[in-house]
């Protein structure tokens, strides 16, 4: 008797092991057996369930899934005015293998204003140094030195601090004489050592030397134009 009651309860509401469909297409969900007059459906995952009142057959429903994956519905009916145990319905969309949902990309940061070059300590020191010098073609040499650092900021394929400095020296030697702007170069060298380091076999960060050299180039261009 007890075994028969268990069978009766088991057969009150059943569904196929998996109901299959495609993304963004209507998928009909229909029980294999149902002793009740109506079935209620509730989504457990991100799937859309049509309102039951819009369908003629109150035992079925229609669902819509936006992307491939395995989705679940919770279904139950009522027999003799008593709700049946809930049944989990599996719906496989587009093969059923769930695809990872990419996280929402972070909102782009608004462009940050560049720090005022004239407030940079290097600019202040160089302005003072250059004001006390009277080298011939000083502004032209400043512009050429700015070009050296601008090219240095775009260097690629260097792995160590020593390699980086060697490449910058080559660019500098091809651009202007070694004996010009010596005091100014020494002051720039202090900033470079502070930002990038002076241990020849240390690994170098392209982002760091790129930003440092670009900043120095901007300062030199500003001074060359004054």
C-alpha atoms as a PDB file:
ATOM      1  CA  UNK A   1       0.000   0.000   0.000  1.00  0.00           C
ATOM      2  CA  UNK A   2       2.756   2.419   1.011  1.00  0.00           C
ATOM      3  CA  UNK A   3       4.705   1.536  -2.147  1.00  0.00           C
ATOM      4  CA  UNK A   4       1.613   2.289  -4.235  1.00  0.00           C
ATOM      5  CA  UNK A   5       1.190   5.696  -2.612  1.00  0.00           C
ATOM      6  CA  UNK A   6       4.817   6.503  -3.370  1.00  0.00           C
ATOM      7  CA  UNK A   7       4.295   5.627  -7.009  1.00  0.00           C
ATOM      8  CA  UNK A   8       1.194   7.790  -7.112  1.00  0.00           C
ATOM      9  CA  UNK A   9       3.079  10.775  -5.650  1.00  0.00           C
ATOM     10  CA  UNK A  10       5.977  10.197  -8.037  1.00  0.00           C
ATOM     11  CA  UNK A  11       3.681  10.295 -11.058  1.00  0.00           C
ATOM     12  CA  UNK A  12       1.747  13.411 -10.073  1.00  0.00           C
ATOM     13  CA  UNK A  13       4.064  15.686 -12.108  1.00  0.00           C
ATOM     14  CA  UNK A  14       6.964  14.543 -14.269  1.00  0.00           C
ATOM     15  CA  UNK A  15       8.986  16.041 -17.110  1.00  0.00           C
ATOM     16  CA  UNK A  16      11.506  14.769 -19.664  1.00  0.00           C
ATOM     17  CA  UNK A  17      15.040  14.536 -18.300  1.00  0.00           C
ATOM     18  CA  UNK A  18      15.975  17.610 -20.376  1.00  0.00           C
ATOM     19  CA  UNK A  19      14.046  19.937 -22.626  1.00  0.00           C
ATOM     20  CA  UNK A  20      16.176  21.352 -25.433  1.00  0.00           C
ATOM     21  CA  UNK A  21      16.026  24.535 -27.481  1.00  0.00           C
ATOM     22  CA  UNK A  22      18.024  27.363 -28.986  1.00  0.00           C
ATOM     23  CA  UNK A  23      18.878  30.845 -27.699  1.00  0.00           C
ATOM     24  CA  UNK A  24      16.317  33.592 -28.336  1.00  0.00           C
ATOM     25  CA  UNK A  25      13.738  31.096 -29.588  1.00  0.00           C
ATOM     26  CA  UNK A  26      10.492  30.052 -27.925  1.00  0.00           C
ATOM     27  CA  UNK A  27      10.863  26.754 -26.068  1.00  0.00           C
ATOM     28  CA  UNK A  28       7.748  24.841 -25.022  1.00  0.00           C
ATOM     29  CA  UNK A  29       7.849  23.157 -21.614  1.00  0.00           C
ATOM     30  CA  UNK A  30       5.288  20.390 -21.264  1.00  0.00           C
ATOM     31  CA  UNK A  31       5.058  17.724 -18.532  1.00  0.00           C
ATOM     32  CA  UNK A  32       5.258  14.045 -19.415  1.00  0.00           C
ATOM     33  CA  UNK A  33       2.516  13.393 -16.906  1.00  0.00           C
ATOM     34  CA  UNK A  34       0.393  15.652 -14.737  1.00  0.00           C
ATOM     35  CA  UNK A  35      -2.510  14.718 -12.461  1.00  0.00           C
ATOM     36  CA  UNK A  36      -3.374  18.337 -11.746  1.00  0.00           C
ATOM     37  CA  UNK A  37      -5.304  20.795 -13.896  1.00  0.00           C
ATOM     38  CA  UNK A  38      -2.643  23.505 -13.888  1.00  0.00           C
ATOM     39  CA  UNK A  39       1.129  23.790 -13.409  1.00  0.00           C
ATOM     40  CA  UNK A  40       2.921  26.734 -11.869  1.00  0.00           C
ATOM     41  CA  UNK A  41       6.434  27.519 -13.123  1.00  0.00           C
ATOM     42  CA  UNK A  42       9.119  29.605 -11.450  1.00  0.00           C
ATOM     43  CA  UNK A  43      12.548  30.357 -13.007  1.00  0.00           C
ATOM     44  CA  UNK A  44      15.623  29.503 -10.961  1.00  0.00           C
ATOM     45  CA  UNK A  45      18.105  30.943 -13.462  1.00  0.00           C
ATOM     46  CA  UNK A  46      18.123  33.770 -15.979  1.00  0.00           C
ATOM     47  CA  UNK A  47      15.328  32.515 -18.199  1.00  0.00           C
ATOM     48  CA  UNK A  48      12.065  34.253 -19.112  1.00  0.00           C
ATOM     49  CA  UNK A  49       8.766  32.429 -18.398  1.00  0.00           C
ATOM     50  CA  UNK A  50       5.611  33.485 -20.206  1.00  0.00           C
ATOM     51  CA  UNK A  51       2.683  34.362 -17.909  1.00  0.00           C
ATOM     52  CA  UNK A  52       0.453  31.289 -17.534  1.00  0.00           C
ATOM     53  CA  UNK A  53      -2.686  33.322 -18.122  1.00  0.00           C
ATOM     54  CA  UNK A  54      -1.661  33.921 -21.759  1.00  0.00           C
ATOM     55  CA  UNK A  55      -1.681  30.219 -22.656  1.00  0.00           C
ATOM     56  CA  UNK A  56      -4.738  28.073 -23.364  1.00  0.00           C
ATOM     57  CA  UNK A  57      -3.215  24.904 -21.887  1.00  0.00           C
ATOM     58  CA  UNK A  58      -2.486  25.749 -18.256  1.00  0.00           C
ATOM     59  CA  UNK A  59      -0.172  22.763 -17.874  1.00  0.00           C
ATOM     60  CA  UNK A  60       2.468  24.014 -20.292  1.00  0.00           C
ATOM     61  CA  UNK A  61       4.569  27.134 -20.505  1.00  0.00           C
ATOM     62  CA  UNK A  62       6.863  28.821 -22.987  1.00  0.00           C
ATOM     63  CA  UNK A  63      10.320  30.083 -22.046  1.00  0.00           C
ATOM     64  CA  UNK A  64      12.994  32.213 -23.705  1.00  0.00           C
ATOM     65  CA  UNK A  65      16.743  32.160 -22.924  1.00  0.00           C
ATOM     66  CA  UNK A  66      19.174  34.854 -24.093  1.00  0.00           C
ATOM     67  CA  UNK A  67      22.278  32.664 -24.385  1.00  0.00           C
ATOM     68  CA  UNK A  68      23.395  29.015 -24.397  1.00  0.00           C
ATOM     69  CA  UNK A  69      23.433  27.245 -21.062  1.00  0.00           C
ATOM     70  CA  UNK A  70      21.594  24.934 -18.687  1.00  0.00           C
ATOM     71  CA  UNK A  71      18.574  26.564 -17.079  1.00  0.00           C
ATOM     72  CA  UNK A  72      16.138  25.356 -14.445  1.00  0.00           C
ATOM     73  CA  UNK A  73      12.474  25.852 -13.658  1.00  0.00           C
ATOM     74  CA  UNK A  74      10.688  24.937 -10.484  1.00  0.00           C
ATOM     75  CA  UNK A  75       7.296  23.389 -11.267  1.00  0.00           C
ATOM     76  CA  UNK A  76       4.427  22.120  -9.145  1.00  0.00           C
ATOM     77  CA  UNK A  77       0.743  21.359  -9.470  1.00  0.00           C
ATOM     78  CA  UNK A  78      -2.164  20.631  -7.152  1.00  0.00           C
ATOM     79  CA  UNK A  79      -3.990  17.339  -6.706  1.00  0.00           C
ATOM     80  CA  UNK A  80      -7.111  17.185  -4.523  1.00  0.00           C
ATOM     81  CA  UNK A  81      -6.423  20.776  -3.489  1.00  0.00           C
ATOM     82  CA  UNK A  82      -3.008  19.807  -2.137  1.00  0.00           C
ATOM     83  CA  UNK A  83       0.223  21.088  -3.755  1.00  0.00           C
ATOM     84  CA  UNK A  84       2.536  18.417  -5.077  1.00  0.00           C
ATOM     85  CA  UNK A  85       6.238  18.330  -4.218  1.00  0.00           C
ATOM     86  CA  UNK A  86       8.104  20.757  -6.484  1.00  0.00           C
ATOM     87  CA  UNK A  87       9.843  19.360  -9.526  1.00  0.00           C
ATOM     88  CA  UNK A  88      13.013  20.821 -11.077  1.00  0.00           C
ATOM     89  CA  UNK A  89      12.823  21.034 -14.874  1.00  0.00           C
ATOM     90  CA  UNK A  90      16.109  21.222 -16.797  1.00  0.00           C
ATOM     91  CA  UNK A  91      16.219  23.181 -20.040  1.00  0.00           C
ATOM     92  CA  UNK A  92      19.301  22.877 -22.226  1.00  0.00           C
ATOM     93  CA  UNK A  93      19.721  25.827 -24.566  1.00  0.00           C
ATOM     94  CA  UNK A  94      22.194  25.692 -27.435  1.00  0.00           C
ATOM     95  CA  UNK A  95      23.776  22.433 -26.289  1.00  0.00           C
ATOM     96  CA  UNK A  96      23.401  23.072 -22.592  1.00  0.00           C
ATOM     97  CA  UNK A  97      27.028  23.881 -21.771  1.00  0.00           C
ATOM     98  CA  UNK A  98      26.889  27.099 -19.782  1.00  0.00           C
ATOM     99  CA  UNK A  99      28.998  29.927 -21.115  1.00  0.00           C
ATOM    100  CA  UNK A 100      30.739  32.234 -18.648  1.00  0.00           C
ATOM    101  CA  UNK A 101      29.122  35.606 -18.528  1.00  0.00           C
ATOM    102  CA  UNK A 102      31.787  38.276 -18.890  1.00  0.00           C
ATOM    103  CA  UNK A 103      31.822  40.794 -16.071  1.00  0.00           C
ATOM    104  CA  UNK A 104      30.662  44.276 -16.814  1.00  0.00           C
ATOM    105  CA  UNK A 105      33.658  46.231 -18.085  1.00  0.00           C
ATOM    106  CA  UNK A 106      34.726  48.997 -15.747  1.00  0.00           C
ATOM    107  CA  UNK A 107      33.596  52.427 -16.751  1.00  0.00           C
ATOM    108  CA  UNK A 108      36.423  54.356 -18.378  1.00  0.00           C
ATOM    109  CA  UNK A 109      38.093  56.830 -16.096  1.00  0.00           C
ATOM    110  CA  UNK A 110      37.709  60.426 -17.196  1.00  0.00           C
ATOM    111  CA  UNK A 111      40.929  61.866 -18.546  1.00  0.00           C
ATOM    112  CA  UNK A 112      43.046  63.198 -15.737  1.00  0.00           C
ATOM    113  CA  UNK A 113      44.595  66.622 -16.177  1.00  0.00           C
ATOM    114  CA  UNK A 114      48.358  66.468 -16.676  1.00  0.00           C
ATOM    115  CA  UNK A 115      50.282  67.925 -13.759  1.00  0.00           C
ATOM    116  CA  UNK A 116      51.480  71.450 -14.434  1.00  0.00           C
ATOM    117  CA  UNK A 117      54.970  71.154 -15.928  1.00  0.00           C
ATOM    118  CA  UNK A 118      56.032  74.478 -14.473  1.00  0.00           C
ATOM    119  CA  UNK A 119      55.369  73.110 -10.973  1.00  0.00           C
ATOM    120  CA  UNK A 120      57.682  70.130 -11.546  1.00  0.00           C
ATOM    121  CA  UNK A 121      60.874  70.386  -9.485  1.00  0.00           C
ATOM    122  CA  UNK A 122      62.946  69.353 -12.498  1.00  0.00           C
ATOM    123  CA  UNK A 123      61.491  72.222 -14.530  1.00  0.00           C
ATOM    124  CA  UNK A 124      62.182  74.692 -11.721  1.00  0.00           C
ATOM    125  CA  UNK A 125      65.774  73.513 -11.313  1.00  0.00           C
ATOM    126  CA  UNK A 126      66.497  73.478 -15.050  1.00  0.00           C
ATOM    127  CA  UNK A 127      65.018  76.940 -15.472  1.00  0.00           C
ATOM    128  CA  UNK A 128      67.369  78.205 -12.792  1.00  0.00           C
ATOM    129  CA  UNK A 129      70.371  76.390 -14.295  1.00  0.00           C
ATOM    130  CA  UNK A 130      69.704  77.554 -17.832  1.00  0.00           C
ATOM    131  CA  UNK A 131      69.107  81.105 -16.670  1.00  0.00           C
ATOM    132  CA  UNK A 132      72.695  81.250 -15.455  1.00  0.00           C
ATOM    133  CA  UNK A 133      74.161  79.803 -18.663  1.00  0.00           C
ATOM    134  CA  UNK A 134      74.896  81.551 -21.898  1.00  0.00           C
ATOM    135  CA  UNK A 135      75.720  78.681 -24.210  1.00  0.00           C
ATOM    136  CA  UNK A 136      75.431  79.286 -27.959  1.00  0.00           C
ATOM    137  CA  UNK A 137      72.345  77.745 -29.564  1.00  0.00           C
ATOM    138  CA  UNK A 138      71.009  76.806 -26.148  1.00  0.00           C
ATOM    139  CA  UNK A 139      67.342  76.630 -27.169  1.00  0.00           C
ATOM    140  CA  UNK A 140      68.139  74.529 -30.250  1.00  0.00           C
ATOM    141  CA  UNK A 141      70.118  72.128 -28.065  1.00  0.00           C
ATOM    142  CA  UNK A 142      67.235  71.940 -25.584  1.00  0.00           C
ATOM    143  CA  UNK A 143      64.848  71.029 -28.397  1.00  0.00           C
ATOM    144  CA  UNK A 144      67.233  68.326 -29.637  1.00  0.00           C
ATOM    145  CA  UNK A 145      67.642  66.937 -26.120  1.00  0.00           C
ATOM    146  CA  UNK A 146      63.851  66.877 -25.820  1.00  0.00           C
ATOM    147  CA  UNK A 147      63.807  64.787 -28.989  1.00  0.00           C
ATOM    148  CA  UNK A 148      66.303  62.360 -27.471  1.00  0.00           C
ATOM    149  CA  UNK A 149      64.002  61.681 -24.519  1.00  0.00           C
ATOM    150  CA  UNK A 150      60.921  61.570 -26.707  1.00  0.00           C
ATOM    151  CA  UNK A 151      62.528  58.810 -28.796  1.00  0.00           C
ATOM    152  CA  UNK A 152      63.716  57.128 -25.609  1.00  0.00           C
ATOM    153  CA  UNK A 153      60.156  57.015 -24.294  1.00  0.00           C
ATOM    154  CA  UNK A 154      59.191  54.857 -27.290  1.00  0.00           C
ATOM    155  CA  UNK A 155      62.073  52.385 -27.055  1.00  0.00           C
ATOM    156  CA  UNK A 156      61.119  48.710 -27.143  1.00  0.00           C
ATOM    157  CA  UNK A 157      63.035  45.485 -26.726  1.00  0.00           C
ATOM    158  CA  UNK A 158      65.121  46.606 -23.741  1.00  0.00           C
ATOM    159  CA  UNK A 159      65.075  44.330 -20.724  1.00  0.00           C
ATOM    160  CA  UNK A 160      67.450  45.958 -18.225  1.00  0.00           C
ATOM    161  CA  UNK A 161      68.347  49.404 -16.953  1.00  0.00           C
ATOM    162  CA  UNK A 162      71.792  49.105 -18.519  1.00  0.00           C
ATOM    163  CA  UNK A 163      70.383  48.297 -21.953  1.00  0.00           C
ATOM    164  CA  UNK A 164      67.969  51.208 -21.710  1.00  0.00           C
ATOM    165  CA  UNK A 165      70.682  53.726 -20.835  1.00  0.00           C
ATOM    166  CA  UNK A 166      72.953  52.432 -23.604  1.00  0.00           C
ATOM    167  CA  UNK A 167      70.212  52.947 -26.187  1.00  0.00           C
ATOM    168  CA  UNK A 168      69.496  56.466 -24.951  1.00  0.00           C
ATOM    169  CA  UNK A 169      73.210  57.323 -25.094  1.00  0.00           C
ATOM    170  CA  UNK A 170      73.318  56.203 -28.734  1.00  0.00           C
ATOM    171  CA  UNK A 171      70.348  58.419 -29.577  1.00  0.00           C
ATOM    172  CA  UNK A 172      71.912  61.339 -27.728  1.00  0.00           C
ATOM    173  CA  UNK A 173      75.321  60.928 -29.419  1.00  0.00           C
ATOM    174  CA  UNK A 174      73.655  61.042 -32.823  1.00  0.00           C
ATOM    175  CA  UNK A 175      71.618  64.145 -31.954  1.00  0.00           C
ATOM    176  CA  UNK A 176      73.904  66.676 -30.231  1.00  0.00           C
ATOM    177  CA  UNK A 177      77.499  67.082 -28.953  1.00  0.00           C
ATOM    178  CA  UNK A 178      78.432  65.632 -25.559  1.00  0.00           C
ATOM    179  CA  UNK A 179      79.804  68.914 -24.239  1.00  0.00           C
ATOM    180  CA  UNK A 180      76.596  70.953 -24.445  1.00  0.00           C
ATOM    181  CA  UNK A 181      74.123  71.474 -21.586  1.00  0.00           C
ATOM    182  CA  UNK A 182      76.332  69.466 -19.241  1.00  0.00           C
ATOM    183  CA  UNK A 183      74.961  70.929 -15.997  1.00  0.00           C
ATOM    184  CA  UNK A 184      71.382  70.520 -17.187  1.00  0.00           C
ATOM    185  CA  UNK A 185      72.080  66.935 -18.261  1.00  0.00           C
ATOM    186  CA  UNK A 186      73.524  66.107 -14.857  1.00  0.00           C
ATOM    187  CA  UNK A 187      70.358  67.420 -13.183  1.00  0.00           C
ATOM    188  CA  UNK A 188      68.177  65.379 -15.561  1.00  0.00           C
ATOM    189  CA  UNK A 189      70.321  62.349 -14.781  1.00  0.00           C
ATOM    190  CA  UNK A 190      69.443  62.661 -11.087  1.00  0.00           C
ATOM    191  CA  UNK A 191      65.731  62.489 -11.902  1.00  0.00           C
ATOM    192  CA  UNK A 192      66.219  59.518 -14.228  1.00  0.00           C
ATOM    193  CA  UNK A 193      68.222  57.634 -11.571  1.00  0.00           C
ATOM    194  CA  UNK A 194      65.543  58.370  -8.967  1.00  0.00           C
ATOM    195  CA  UNK A 195      62.690  57.187 -11.201  1.00  0.00           C
ATOM    196  CA  UNK A 196      64.295  54.228 -12.974  1.00  0.00           C
ATOM    197  CA  UNK A 197      67.353  53.268 -10.931  1.00  0.00           C
ATOM    198  CA  UNK A 198      71.036  52.810 -11.686  1.00  0.00           C
ATOM    199  CA  UNK A 199      71.640  49.065 -11.268  1.00  0.00           C
ATOM    200  CA  UNK A 200      72.580  47.971 -14.768  1.00  0.00           C
ATOM    201  CA  UNK A 201      71.191  44.414 -14.656  1.00  0.00           C
ATOM    202  CA  UNK A 202      67.898  45.344 -12.976  1.00  0.00           C
ATOM    203  CA  UNK A 203      64.769  44.702 -15.060  1.00  0.00           C
ATOM    204  CA  UNK A 204      63.223  47.818 -16.490  1.00  0.00           C
ATOM    205  CA  UNK A 205      59.533  48.716 -16.693  1.00  0.00           C
ATOM    206  CA  UNK A 206      58.594  50.108 -20.140  1.00  0.00           C
ATOM    207  CA  UNK A 207      55.638  51.995 -18.687  1.00  0.00           C
ATOM    208  CA  UNK A 208      57.796  53.687 -16.066  1.00  0.00           C
ATOM    209  CA  UNK A 209      60.625  54.771 -18.373  1.00  0.00           C
ATOM    210  CA  UNK A 210      58.127  55.725 -21.060  1.00  0.00           C
ATOM    211  CA  UNK A 211      56.295  58.077 -18.709  1.00  0.00           C
ATOM    212  CA  UNK A 212      59.529  59.431 -17.184  1.00  0.00           C
ATOM    213  CA  UNK A 213      61.189  60.198 -20.511  1.00  0.00           C
ATOM    214  CA  UNK A 214      58.016  61.678 -21.990  1.00  0.00           C
ATOM    215  CA  UNK A 215      57.743  64.001 -18.987  1.00  0.00           C
ATOM    216  CA  UNK A 216      61.376  65.109 -19.342  1.00  0.00           C
ATOM    217  CA  UNK A 217      60.851  65.696 -23.063  1.00  0.00           C
ATOM    218  CA  UNK A 218      57.814  67.903 -22.341  1.00  0.00           C
ATOM    219  CA  UNK A 219      59.787  69.943 -19.793  1.00  0.00           C
ATOM    220  CA  UNK A 220      62.680  70.450 -22.206  1.00  0.00           C
ATOM    221  CA  UNK A 221      60.335  71.476 -25.010  1.00  0.00           C
ATOM    222  CA  UNK A 222      58.690  73.982 -22.673  1.00  0.00           C
ATOM    223  CA  UNK A 223      62.078  75.469 -21.756  1.00  0.00           C
ATOM    224  CA  UNK A 224      63.166  75.544 -25.393  1.00  0.00           C
ATOM    225  CA  UNK A 225      60.128  77.601 -26.283  1.00  0.00           C
ATOM    226  CA  UNK A 226      60.553  80.219 -23.563  1.00  0.00           C
END
